[in-house]
Amino acid sequence: MTTQYNGRHNDLKNRINRHLKKLTGQNLDFYSKFKQDDLIELKTVLSDINNVLTFRTTISAANWLSDFFKFDTRTKDDILKTIDQIKPNTKGFDIHILTPFKIIAEVKCISPVNNGDKFGAAQWNSILDDFHKLKNGKGTLPDTSKYYKFVFLLDLGERTDQAINQLLRTSKGTSEIPLRANRHLVKKHISLLTGMEKADDLGLEKVYLKKIKLDK
């Protein structure tokens, strides 16, 4: 039986009111009170929220790396301080560590589309492009062969697991378009970390995918 769609207006109203009621604890019709200036301000706030999510996920990834490679407290603090000083959307890798190990990492705060268990095409391409850049270099770091390489993906449980399984599935055939070919070829260099590995198990030739939850 097909569920009747009640219209965009009612759908947006219900979704926005539901989220804001959850955040504020107030049972109000926030949607009906929005004026143009309110909507413009909220749009800016949403951009800030995305930056907060990316920052907190990056911090969680840095904490995981520090624990995994057994960095001392001073080294860990220096890494976290460096991340805190980087402005949003700055060029380069999200995490770039030179000592005591050379490590680069990209952090992806991506949710499977439509609250489901599949990444959209644009998300898929973005993740694979980051794997390719980690493997082959970019910008001021054209040679990454001496670095441990990671992609950290926000862990949403089973939804993320299913989306990753599809992402890493071997592609059928190749494309003559270089960008698409790179996305296909880089998959053979990706290794999903299960949580059982130790630092000595890792090599420089692979790009490691690690699911990460926000630190409490």
Protein backbone atom coordinates (compact mmCIF):
# COMPACT_ATOMS: atom_id res chain seq x y z
CA MET A 1 0.00 0.00 0.00
CA THR A 2 1.42 3.38 -1.03
CA THR A 3 1.73 5.96 1.74
CA GLN A 4 0.15 9.28 0.79
CA TYR A 5 2.53 12.25 0.69
CA ASN A 6 1.04 15.16 2.63
CA GLY A 7 2.95 17.79 0.69
CA ARG A 8 6.28 19.56 1.00
CA HIS A 9 4.93 22.22 3.36
CA ASN A 10 3.66 19.75 5.94
CA ASP A 11 6.71 17.52 5.57
CA LEU A 12 9.15 20.39 6.19
CA LYS A 13 7.04 21.77 9.02
CA ASN A 14 6.86 18.45 10.83
CA ARG A 15 10.55 17.69 10.43
CA ILE A 16 11.77 21.11 11.58
CA ASN A 17 9.37 21.26 14.53
CA ARG A 18 10.34 17.73 15.57
CA HIS A 19 14.06 18.57 15.61
CA LEU A 20 13.67 21.88 17.42
CA LYS A 21 11.30 20.43 19.99
CA LYS A 22 13.88 17.75 20.73
CA LEU A 23 16.64 20.34 21.14
CA THR A 24 14.67 22.86 23.19
CA GLY A 25 12.22 20.65 25.07
CA GLN A 26 9.45 23.07 24.08
CA ASN A 27 6.33 21.85 22.30
CA LEU A 28 5.93 24.86 19.96
CA ASP A 29 5.26 25.43 16.28
CA PHE A 30 8.67 26.92 15.48
CA TYR A 31 8.17 26.57 11.74
CA SER A 32 5.26 29.01 11.58
CA LYS A 33 7.26 31.67 13.42
CA PHE A 34 10.16 31.73 10.93
CA LYS A 35 10.63 35.00 9.04
CA GLN A 36 13.06 35.53 6.17
CA ASP A 37 15.84 36.84 8.43
CA ASP A 38 15.38 33.84 10.74
CA LEU A 39 15.79 31.41 7.84
CA ILE A 40 18.90 33.17 6.57
CA GLU A 41 20.43 33.05 10.06
CA LEU A 42 19.55 29.38 10.46
CA LYS A 43 21.19 28.61 7.13
CA THR A 44 24.43 30.13 8.46
CA VAL A 45 24.08 28.20 11.73
CA LEU A 46 23.67 24.93 9.83
CA SER A 47 26.99 25.58 8.10
CA ASP A 48 28.57 26.12 11.52
CA ILE A 49 27.04 22.87 12.77
CA ASN A 50 28.65 21.00 9.89
CA ASN A 51 32.00 22.56 10.82
CA VAL A 52 31.48 21.56 14.47
CA LEU A 53 30.72 17.98 13.45
CA THR A 54 33.82 17.83 11.25
CA PHE A 55 36.00 19.35 13.98
CA ARG A 56 34.77 16.98 16.69
CA THR A 57 35.17 13.97 14.39
CA THR A 58 38.70 15.09 13.53
CA ILE A 59 39.52 15.38 17.23
CA SER A 60 38.14 11.87 17.80
CA ALA A 61 40.28 10.59 14.93
CA ALA A 62 43.39 12.28 16.34
CA ASN A 63 42.70 10.76 19.76
CA TRP A 64 42.36 7.33 18.16
CA LEU A 65 45.62 7.74 16.25
CA SER A 66 47.40 8.87 19.41
CA ASP A 67 46.19 5.83 21.32
CA PHE A 68 46.79 3.42 18.43
CA PHE A 69 50.38 4.55 17.86
CA LYS A 70 50.94 5.06 21.61
CA PHE A 71 51.97 8.72 21.42
CA ASP A 72 53.03 10.34 24.66
CA THR A 73 50.86 13.02 26.25
CA ARG A 74 52.90 15.94 24.94
CA THR A 75 52.80 14.67 21.36
CA LYS A 76 49.06 14.07 21.58
CA ASP A 77 48.45 17.55 22.99
CA ASP A 78 50.53 19.12 20.20
CA ILE A 79 48.51 17.26 17.56
CA LEU A 80 45.20 18.37 19.08
CA LYS A 81 46.44 21.96 19.36
CA THR A 82 47.47 21.97 15.70
CA ILE A 83 44.03 20.72 14.63
CA ASP A 84 42.36 23.41 16.75
CA GLN A 85 44.36 26.11 14.96
CA ILE A 86 43.35 25.02 11.46
CA LYS A 87 40.49 27.03 9.96
CA PRO A 88 37.56 25.19 8.32
CA ASN A 89 38.04 24.33 4.63
CA THR A 90 41.80 24.88 4.80
CA LYS A 91 43.67 23.15 1.98
CA GLY A 92 45.72 20.08 2.81
CA PHE A 93 44.93 16.91 4.70
CA ASP A 94 42.67 17.08 7.75
CA ILE A 95 45.38 15.49 9.91
CA HIS A 96 49.08 15.77 9.06
CA ILE A 97 51.56 14.37 11.58
CA LEU A 98 55.33 14.39 11.04
CA THR A 99 56.64 12.87 14.26
CA PRO A 100 57.10 10.32 15.78
CA PHE A 101 55.42 8.74 12.73
CA LYS A 102 54.44 10.32 9.44
CA ILE A 103 50.66 10.13 9.21
CA ILE A 104 48.07 11.79 6.99
CA ALA A 105 44.32 11.41 7.28
CA GLU A 106 41.08 12.67 5.83
CA VAL A 107 37.91 12.85 7.92
CA LYS A 108 34.49 12.32 6.33
CA CYS A 109 31.28 13.24 8.20
CA ILE A 110 29.04 11.52 5.69
CA SER A 111 25.70 9.87 6.39
CA PRO A 112 24.10 7.39 3.99
CA VAL A 113 21.43 9.20 1.98
CA ASN A 114 17.75 9.36 2.98
CA ASN A 115 18.50 7.88 6.41
CA GLY A 116 19.30 4.61 4.63
CA ASP A 117 22.31 2.35 4.19
CA LYS A 118 23.77 3.55 0.88
CA PHE A 119 26.04 6.43 0.01
CA GLY A 120 24.88 8.70 -2.78
CA ALA A 121 26.92 9.01 -5.97
CA ALA A 122 28.49 12.33 -4.92
CA GLN A 123 29.37 10.92 -1.47
CA TRP A 124 30.82 7.78 -3.05
CA ASN A 125 33.00 9.83 -5.39
CA SER A 126 34.15 12.15 -2.60
CA ILE A 127 35.32 9.27 -0.41
CA LEU A 128 37.14 7.48 -3.23
CA ASP A 129 38.75 10.75 -4.36
CA ASP A 130 40.15 11.20 -0.84
CA PHE A 131 41.56 7.68 -0.93
CA HIS A 132 43.23 8.49 -4.24
CA LYS A 133 44.74 11.74 -2.91
CA LEU A 134 46.07 9.97 0.17
CA LYS A 135 47.63 7.27 -1.99
CA ASN A 136 49.00 9.51 -4.73
CA GLY A 137 49.45 12.90 -3.07
CA LYS A 138 47.98 16.34 -3.56
CA GLY A 139 48.97 20.00 -3.35
CA THR A 140 52.06 20.59 -1.24
CA LEU A 141 52.43 16.86 -0.50
CA PRO A 142 52.77 15.15 -3.90
CA ASP A 143 54.57 12.11 -2.45
CA THR A 144 52.79 10.24 0.35
CA SER A 145 54.76 7.00 0.07
CA LYS A 146 56.46 7.51 3.46
CA TYR A 147 53.21 8.14 5.33
CA TYR A 148 50.64 5.99 7.08
CA LYS A 149 47.37 6.90 5.38
CA PHE A 150 43.84 6.91 6.83
CA VAL A 151 40.29 7.85 5.97
CA PHE A 152 38.07 8.23 9.04
CA LEU A 153 34.35 7.82 8.42
CA LEU A 154 31.69 8.81 10.93
CA ASP A 155 30.32 5.60 12.45
CA LEU A 156 26.51 5.37 12.37
CA GLY A 157 26.38 1.68 13.12
CA GLU A 158 24.80 -0.85 10.75
CA ARG A 159 23.90 1.84 8.21
CA THR A 160 27.56 2.78 7.83
CA ASP A 161 28.63 -0.89 7.70
CA GLN A 162 26.27 -1.60 4.81
CA ALA A 163 27.29 1.55 2.95
CA ILE A 164 30.99 0.69 3.32
CA ASN A 165 30.43 -2.84 2.02
CA GLN A 166 28.94 -1.41 -1.14
CA LEU A 167 31.65 1.22 -1.43
CA LEU A 168 34.46 -1.34 -1.29
CA ARG A 169 32.80 -3.81 -3.64
CA THR A 170 34.89 -4.44 -6.75
CA SER A 171 33.71 -2.29 -9.63
CA LYS A 172 32.68 -3.86 -12.91
CA GLY A 173 35.08 -2.82 -15.63
CA THR A 174 37.04 0.41 -15.91
CA SER A 175 36.51 3.79 -17.51
CA GLU A 176 38.70 5.62 -19.98
CA ILE A 177 38.03 8.82 -18.04
CA PRO A 178 41.06 9.23 -15.70
CA LEU A 179 39.07 10.44 -12.69
CA ARG A 180 36.69 7.48 -12.81
CA ALA A 181 39.53 5.06 -13.49
CA ASN A 182 41.39 6.33 -10.42
CA ARG A 183 38.33 5.69 -8.25
CA HIS A 184 38.17 2.14 -9.52
CA LEU A 185 41.88 1.41 -9.17
CA VAL A 186 42.36 2.85 -5.68
CA LYS A 187 39.99 0.26 -4.18
CA LYS A 188 42.69 -2.42 -4.30
CA HIS A 189 44.77 -0.29 -1.90
CA ILE A 190 41.99 0.19 0.69
CA SER A 191 42.00 -1.86 3.89
CA LEU A 192 39.14 -1.67 6.40
CA LEU A 193 40.33 -1.71 10.00
CA THR A 194 38.37 -4.08 12.22
CA GLY A 195 39.71 -3.00 15.61
CA MET A 196 41.92 -6.06 16.07
CA GLU A 197 45.01 -4.59 14.40
CA LYS A 198 48.14 -3.25 16.06
CA ALA A 199 50.40 -0.51 14.74
CA ASP A 200 53.01 -3.06 13.67
CA ASP A 201 50.41 -4.70 11.41
CA LEU A 202 50.06 -1.60 9.24
CA GLY A 203 52.08 -0.75 6.15
CA LEU A 204 52.75 2.35 4.09
CA GLU A 205 51.40 0.95 0.84
CA LYS A 206 47.78 0.74 2.02
CA VAL A 207 45.15 3.39 2.76
CA TYR A 208 43.21 2.41 5.87
CA LEU A 209 39.52 3.01 6.42
CA LYS A 210 38.50 3.46 10.04
CA LYS A 211 34.99 4.05 11.38
CA ILE A 212 35.01 6.61 14.18
CA LYS A 213 32.48 7.76 16.75
CA LEU A 214 32.54 11.12 18.44
CA ASP A 215 34.34 11.15 21.77
CA LYS A 216 31.98 11.65 24.70
